[in-house]
């Protein structure tokens, strides 16, 4: 059971959150669906709260606002407002871990298949995977880089996934120190401009 809003998860809450899942956030079927953001997997903090990208220091929410996707910075507890912007959030792997490094290559590959099925059902215009290393493993694209994906045929090798454009964003975790908030915001802004 997620902790109540305004209360920071305790060490016991975090330990209890291991392997838990959190629900996807998506527009209703038939509603405008511009971008489906796809994280690697929930952190223990996210699983304890029930909110995507909830760990303090994660730059997803600031970058989303500063890049122009939202008119103000949303708190993770306001994730339910994203569908009103035509946005959604899911994860490659549903189970929460302390570190993404705990995930196996098989889990990431299965997550890529699950993502393709989800995209086929919900039809976002763009799927933006937040984390190039996870994307490379999930879709067997060892040379993939940040930005729009491209290639000669259909499928992940071509830059599409079940009819949606594929985009890779930097991992917004505060542990990804090489991507400062200004650099991360610029990567998100490039995506927003592609949506427009």
C-alpha atoms as a PDB file:
ATOM      1  CA  UNK A   1       0.000   0.000   0.000  1.00  0.00           C
ATOM      2  CA  UNK A   2       1.541   3.355  -1.023  1.00  0.00           C
ATOM      3  CA  UNK A   3       2.492   5.829   1.680  1.00  0.00           C
ATOM      4  CA  UNK A   4       0.188   8.802   2.096  1.00  0.00           C
ATOM      5  CA  UNK A   5       0.896  12.035   0.233  1.00  0.00           C
ATOM      6  CA  UNK A   6       3.264  14.343   2.054  1.00  0.00           C
ATOM      7  CA  UNK A   7       4.932  11.559   4.026  1.00  0.00           C
ATOM      8  CA  UNK A   8       8.432  10.508   3.056  1.00  0.00           C
ATOM      9  CA  UNK A   9       8.810   6.718   2.794  1.00  0.00           C
ATOM     10  CA  UNK A  10      10.744   5.129   5.646  1.00  0.00           C
ATOM     11  CA  UNK A  11      13.468   2.512   5.242  1.00  0.00           C
ATOM     12  CA  UNK A  12      10.832  -0.106   6.093  1.00  0.00           C
ATOM     13  CA  UNK A  13       8.492   1.288   3.400  1.00  0.00           C
ATOM     14  CA  UNK A  14      11.284   1.090   0.831  1.00  0.00           C
ATOM     15  CA  UNK A  15      12.212  -2.473   1.796  1.00  0.00           C
ATOM     16  CA  UNK A  16       8.566  -3.528   1.575  1.00  0.00           C
ATOM     17  CA  UNK A  17       8.259  -1.958  -1.907  1.00  0.00           C
ATOM     18  CA  UNK A  18      10.794  -4.332  -3.532  1.00  0.00           C
ATOM     19  CA  UNK A  19       9.271  -6.121  -6.550  1.00  0.00           C
ATOM     20  CA  UNK A  20       6.010  -4.139  -6.262  1.00  0.00           C
ATOM     21  CA  UNK A  21       4.503  -2.520  -9.333  1.00  0.00           C
ATOM     22  CA  UNK A  22       2.753   0.777  -9.992  1.00  0.00           C
ATOM     23  CA  UNK A  23      -0.008   1.388 -12.526  1.00  0.00           C
ATOM     24  CA  UNK A  24       0.588   2.964 -15.907  1.00  0.00           C
ATOM     25  CA  UNK A  25      -0.735   6.477 -16.446  1.00  0.00           C
ATOM     26  CA  UNK A  26      -2.415   6.972 -19.827  1.00  0.00           C
ATOM     27  CA  UNK A  27      -5.094   8.969 -21.591  1.00  0.00           C
ATOM     28  CA  UNK A  28      -8.443   7.257 -22.030  1.00  0.00           C
ATOM     29  CA  UNK A  29      -8.785   5.194 -25.225  1.00  0.00           C
ATOM     30  CA  UNK A  30      -9.587   7.495 -28.116  1.00  0.00           C
ATOM     31  CA  UNK A  31      -8.215  10.606 -26.384  1.00  0.00           C
ATOM     32  CA  UNK A  32      -5.231  12.535 -27.754  1.00  0.00           C
ATOM     33  CA  UNK A  33      -2.050  10.619 -26.920  1.00  0.00           C
ATOM     34  CA  UNK A  34       1.078  12.490 -27.984  1.00  0.00           C
ATOM     35  CA  UNK A  35       3.855  10.834 -25.949  1.00  0.00           C
ATOM     36  CA  UNK A  36       4.143   7.692 -23.873  1.00  0.00           C
ATOM     37  CA  UNK A  37       7.168   8.117 -21.607  1.00  0.00           C
ATOM     38  CA  UNK A  38       8.722   4.791 -20.681  1.00  0.00           C
ATOM     39  CA  UNK A  39      10.994   4.506 -17.660  1.00  0.00           C
ATOM     40  CA  UNK A  40      13.301   1.565 -17.050  1.00  0.00           C
ATOM     41  CA  UNK A  41      11.517   0.273 -13.932  1.00  0.00           C
ATOM     42  CA  UNK A  42      10.131   1.807 -10.731  1.00  0.00           C
ATOM     43  CA  UNK A  43      12.543   2.704  -7.971  1.00  0.00           C
ATOM     44  CA  UNK A  44      11.729   1.507  -4.483  1.00  0.00           C
ATOM     45  CA  UNK A  45      10.755   5.112  -3.712  1.00  0.00           C
ATOM     46  CA  UNK A  46       8.292   5.161  -6.615  1.00  0.00           C
ATOM     47  CA  UNK A  47       6.835   1.803  -5.624  1.00  0.00           C
ATOM     48  CA  UNK A  48       6.472   2.978  -2.007  1.00  0.00           C
ATOM     49  CA  UNK A  49       4.603   6.132  -3.071  1.00  0.00           C
ATOM     50  CA  UNK A  50       2.799   4.793  -6.155  1.00  0.00           C
ATOM     51  CA  UNK A  51       4.154   7.677  -8.274  1.00  0.00           C
ATOM     52  CA  UNK A  52       6.403   7.475 -11.311  1.00  0.00           C
ATOM     53  CA  UNK A  53       9.796   9.238 -11.162  1.00  0.00           C
ATOM     54  CA  UNK A  54       9.070  10.071  -7.509  1.00  0.00           C
ATOM     55  CA  UNK A  55      12.535   9.838  -5.960  1.00  0.00           C
ATOM     56  CA  UNK A  56      13.837  13.243  -4.826  1.00  0.00           C
ATOM     57  CA  UNK A  57      16.568  14.270  -7.219  1.00  0.00           C
ATOM     58  CA  UNK A  58      14.899  12.703 -10.249  1.00  0.00           C
ATOM     59  CA  UNK A  59      14.727  15.392 -12.951  1.00  0.00           C
ATOM     60  CA  UNK A  60      11.809  14.008 -14.994  1.00  0.00           C
ATOM     61  CA  UNK A  61       9.193  16.424 -13.635  1.00  0.00           C
ATOM     62  CA  UNK A  62      11.388  19.570 -13.811  1.00  0.00           C
ATOM     63  CA  UNK A  63      12.522  18.698 -17.359  1.00  0.00           C
ATOM     64  CA  UNK A  64       8.945  18.011 -18.430  1.00  0.00           C
ATOM     65  CA  UNK A  65       7.935  21.502 -17.315  1.00  0.00           C
ATOM     66  CA  UNK A  66      11.043  23.425 -18.399  1.00  0.00           C
ATOM     67  CA  UNK A  67      10.849  21.894 -21.877  1.00  0.00           C
ATOM     68  CA  UNK A  68       7.274  23.157 -22.313  1.00  0.00           C
ATOM     69  CA  UNK A  69       5.240  19.946 -21.969  1.00  0.00           C
ATOM     70  CA  UNK A  70       3.401  21.367 -18.925  1.00  0.00           C
ATOM     71  CA  UNK A  71       2.666  24.979 -17.939  1.00  0.00           C
ATOM     72  CA  UNK A  72       3.948  24.375 -14.407  1.00  0.00           C
ATOM     73  CA  UNK A  73       6.099  21.839 -12.635  1.00  0.00           C
ATOM     74  CA  UNK A  74       3.925  18.944 -11.576  1.00  0.00           C
ATOM     75  CA  UNK A  75       4.650  17.031  -8.409  1.00  0.00           C
ATOM     76  CA  UNK A  76       4.896  13.255  -8.843  1.00  0.00           C
ATOM     77  CA  UNK A  77       1.668  13.007  -6.807  1.00  0.00           C
ATOM     78  CA  UNK A  78      -0.033  14.919  -9.662  1.00  0.00           C
ATOM     79  CA  UNK A  79       0.828  12.296 -12.290  1.00  0.00           C
ATOM     80  CA  UNK A  80      -2.922  11.806 -12.838  1.00  0.00           C
ATOM     81  CA  UNK A  81      -2.914  15.186 -14.638  1.00  0.00           C
ATOM     82  CA  UNK A  82      -0.635  13.953 -17.443  1.00  0.00           C
ATOM     83  CA  UNK A  83      -3.399  12.485 -19.639  1.00  0.00           C
ATOM     84  CA  UNK A  84      -4.867  16.001 -19.907  1.00  0.00           C
ATOM     85  CA  UNK A  85      -1.654  16.975 -21.706  1.00  0.00           C
ATOM     86  CA  UNK A  86      -1.854  13.940 -24.000  1.00  0.00           C
ATOM     87  CA  UNK A  87       0.950  12.238 -22.057  1.00  0.00           C
ATOM     88  CA  UNK A  88       1.378   8.893 -20.335  1.00  0.00           C
ATOM     89  CA  UNK A  89       3.965   6.924 -18.355  1.00  0.00           C
ATOM     90  CA  UNK A  90       4.863   3.235 -18.256  1.00  0.00           C
ATOM     91  CA  UNK A  91       8.009   1.193 -17.569  1.00  0.00           C
ATOM     92  CA  UNK A  92       9.963  -1.401 -19.519  1.00  0.00           C
ATOM     93  CA  UNK A  93       9.994  -3.656 -16.454  1.00  0.00           C
ATOM     94  CA  UNK A  94       7.151  -3.420 -13.948  1.00  0.00           C
ATOM     95  CA  UNK A  95       8.895  -4.650 -10.785  1.00  0.00           C
ATOM     96  CA  UNK A  96      10.570  -2.189  -8.442  1.00  0.00           C
ATOM     97  CA  UNK A  97      14.252  -2.537  -7.574  1.00  0.00           C
ATOM     98  CA  UNK A  98      16.808  -0.473  -5.692  1.00  0.00           C
ATOM     99  CA  UNK A  99      18.856  -0.130  -8.900  1.00  0.00           C
ATOM    100  CA  UNK A 100      18.104  -0.749 -12.571  1.00  0.00           C
ATOM    101  CA  UNK A 101      21.301  -2.840 -12.665  1.00  0.00           C
ATOM    102  CA  UNK A 102      19.347  -5.545 -10.794  1.00  0.00           C
ATOM    103  CA  UNK A 103      17.287  -6.228 -13.925  1.00  0.00           C
ATOM    104  CA  UNK A 104      18.286  -9.040 -16.255  1.00  0.00           C
ATOM    105  CA  UNK A 105      18.710  -8.746 -20.000  1.00  0.00           C
ATOM    106  CA  UNK A 106      15.814 -11.188 -20.392  1.00  0.00           C
ATOM    107  CA  UNK A 107      13.553  -8.931 -18.284  1.00  0.00           C
ATOM    108  CA  UNK A 108      14.432  -5.934 -20.445  1.00  0.00           C
ATOM    109  CA  UNK A 109      13.819  -7.870 -23.680  1.00  0.00           C
ATOM    110  CA  UNK A 110      10.456  -9.065 -22.339  1.00  0.00           C
ATOM    111  CA  UNK A 111       9.738  -5.467 -21.380  1.00  0.00           C
ATOM    112  CA  UNK A 112      10.406  -4.381 -24.956  1.00  0.00           C
ATOM    113  CA  UNK A 113       7.842  -6.914 -26.182  1.00  0.00           C
ATOM    114  CA  UNK A 114       5.309  -5.779 -23.566  1.00  0.00           C
ATOM    115  CA  UNK A 115       5.900  -2.156 -24.569  1.00  0.00           C
ATOM    116  CA  UNK A 116       5.302  -2.979 -28.239  1.00  0.00           C
ATOM    117  CA  UNK A 117       1.984  -4.643 -27.332  1.00  0.00           C
ATOM    118  CA  UNK A 118       0.949  -1.709 -25.150  1.00  0.00           C
ATOM    119  CA  UNK A 119       1.789   0.792 -27.887  1.00  0.00           C
ATOM    120  CA  UNK A 120      -0.174  -1.260 -30.404  1.00  0.00           C
ATOM    121  CA  UNK A 121      -3.216  -1.172 -28.121  1.00  0.00           C
ATOM    122  CA  UNK A 122      -3.035   2.480 -27.024  1.00  0.00           C
ATOM    123  CA  UNK A 123      -1.510   4.160 -30.136  1.00  0.00           C
ATOM    124  CA  UNK A 124       0.570   7.064 -28.806  1.00  0.00           C
ATOM    125  CA  UNK A 125       2.187   9.168 -31.532  1.00  0.00           C
ATOM    126  CA  UNK A 126       5.655   8.835 -29.930  1.00  0.00           C
ATOM    127  CA  UNK A 127       7.181   6.428 -27.416  1.00  0.00           C
ATOM    128  CA  UNK A 128      10.047   8.020 -25.466  1.00  0.00           C
ATOM    129  CA  UNK A 129      12.235   5.559 -23.558  1.00  0.00           C
ATOM    130  CA  UNK A 130      14.105   7.286 -20.711  1.00  0.00           C
ATOM    131  CA  UNK A 131      17.419   5.461 -20.554  1.00  0.00           C
ATOM    132  CA  UNK A 132      19.598   4.629 -23.554  1.00  0.00           C
ATOM    133  CA  UNK A 133      21.345   1.626 -21.958  1.00  0.00           C
ATOM    134  CA  UNK A 134      18.026  -0.041 -21.118  1.00  0.00           C
ATOM    135  CA  UNK A 135      16.705   0.746 -24.599  1.00  0.00           C
ATOM    136  CA  UNK A 136      19.763  -0.857 -26.188  1.00  0.00           C
ATOM    137  CA  UNK A 137      19.221  -4.062 -24.197  1.00  0.00           C
ATOM    138  CA  UNK A 138      15.439  -4.178 -24.567  1.00  0.00           C
ATOM    139  CA  UNK A 139      15.549  -3.803 -28.346  1.00  0.00           C
ATOM    140  CA  UNK A 140      18.979  -5.301 -29.161  1.00  0.00           C
ATOM    141  CA  UNK A 141      20.235  -1.979 -30.552  1.00  0.00           C
ATOM    142  CA  UNK A 142      23.737  -1.720 -29.075  1.00  0.00           C
ATOM    143  CA  UNK A 143      24.592   1.460 -30.998  1.00  0.00           C
ATOM    144  CA  UNK A 144      21.381   3.392 -30.307  1.00  0.00           C
ATOM    145  CA  UNK A 145      21.861   6.968 -29.124  1.00  0.00           C
ATOM    146  CA  UNK A 146      19.771   9.721 -27.558  1.00  0.00           C
ATOM    147  CA  UNK A 147      17.108  11.247 -29.804  1.00  0.00           C
ATOM    148  CA  UNK A 148      14.807   9.964 -32.553  1.00  0.00           C
ATOM    149  CA  UNK A 149      15.580   6.445 -33.718  1.00  0.00           C
ATOM    150  CA  UNK A 150      15.868   5.499 -37.381  1.00  0.00           C
ATOM    151  CA  UNK A 151      16.678   2.574 -39.626  1.00  0.00           C
ATOM    152  CA  UNK A 152      15.798   0.866 -42.925  1.00  0.00           C
ATOM    153  CA  UNK A 153      12.876  -1.419 -42.019  1.00  0.00           C
ATOM    154  CA  UNK A 154       9.807  -1.457 -39.774  1.00  0.00           C
ATOM    155  CA  UNK A 155      10.017  -2.195 -36.053  1.00  0.00           C
ATOM    156  CA  UNK A 156      12.487  -0.945 -33.431  1.00  0.00           C
ATOM    157  CA  UNK A 157      15.300  -1.104 -35.988  1.00  0.00           C
ATOM    158  CA  UNK A 158      13.465   1.490 -38.097  1.00  0.00           C
ATOM    159  CA  UNK A 159      12.623   4.003 -35.442  1.00  0.00           C
ATOM    160  CA  UNK A 160       9.023   2.898 -34.974  1.00  0.00           C
ATOM    161  CA  UNK A 161       7.306   0.639 -32.489  1.00  0.00           C
ATOM    162  CA  UNK A 162       3.823  -0.659 -33.320  1.00  0.00           C
ATOM    163  CA  UNK A 163       3.213   2.424 -35.462  1.00  0.00           C
ATOM    164  CA  UNK A 164       4.576   5.012 -32.986  1.00  0.00           C
ATOM    165  CA  UNK A 165       7.789   6.952 -33.508  1.00  0.00           C
ATOM    166  CA  UNK A 166      10.578   5.795 -31.203  1.00  0.00           C
ATOM    167  CA  UNK A 167      12.616   8.308 -29.247  1.00  0.00           C
ATOM    168  CA  UNK A 168      15.299   7.791 -26.607  1.00  0.00           C
ATOM    169  CA  UNK A 169      15.775  10.276 -23.778  1.00  0.00           C
ATOM    170  CA  UNK A 170      18.564  10.354 -21.190  1.00  0.00           C
ATOM    171  CA  UNK A 171      17.749   8.670 -17.906  1.00  0.00           C
ATOM    172  CA  UNK A 172      16.435  11.536 -15.687  1.00  0.00           C
ATOM    173  CA  UNK A 173      17.722   9.915 -12.480  1.00  0.00           C
ATOM    174  CA  UNK A 174      19.836  12.169 -10.305  1.00  0.00           C
ATOM    175  CA  UNK A 175      22.480   9.425 -10.480  1.00  0.00           C
ATOM    176  CA  UNK A 176      22.975  10.234 -14.183  1.00  0.00           C
ATOM    177  CA  UNK A 177      25.311  13.141 -13.408  1.00  0.00           C
ATOM    178  CA  UNK A 178      26.574  13.591 -16.971  1.00  0.00           C
ATOM    179  CA  UNK A 179      23.123  14.869 -17.921  1.00  0.00           C
ATOM    180  CA  UNK A 180      22.576  18.124 -16.038  1.00  0.00           C
ATOM    181  CA  UNK A 181      19.072  19.550 -15.809  1.00  0.00           C
ATOM    182  CA  UNK A 182      19.741  22.082 -18.637  1.00  0.00           C
ATOM    183  CA  UNK A 183      21.023  19.311 -20.959  1.00  0.00           C
ATOM    184  CA  UNK A 184      18.149  17.034 -19.992  1.00  0.00           C
ATOM    185  CA  UNK A 185      15.645  19.846 -20.573  1.00  0.00           C
ATOM    186  CA  UNK A 186      17.071  20.416 -24.043  1.00  0.00           C
ATOM    187  CA  UNK A 187      16.617  16.712 -24.883  1.00  0.00           C
ATOM    188  CA  UNK A 188      12.994  16.897 -23.670  1.00  0.00           C
ATOM    189  CA  UNK A 189      12.470  20.136 -25.637  1.00  0.00           C
ATOM    190  CA  UNK A 190      13.644  18.466 -28.854  1.00  0.00           C
ATOM    191  CA  UNK A 191      11.034  15.761 -28.255  1.00  0.00           C
ATOM    192  CA  UNK A 192       8.296  18.335 -27.533  1.00  0.00           C
ATOM    193  CA  UNK A 193       9.120  20.189 -30.739  1.00  0.00           C
ATOM    194  CA  UNK A 194       8.834  16.922 -32.675  1.00  0.00           C
ATOM    195  CA  UNK A 195       5.362  16.420 -31.179  1.00  0.00           C
ATOM    196  CA  UNK A 196       4.292  19.846 -32.405  1.00  0.00           C
END
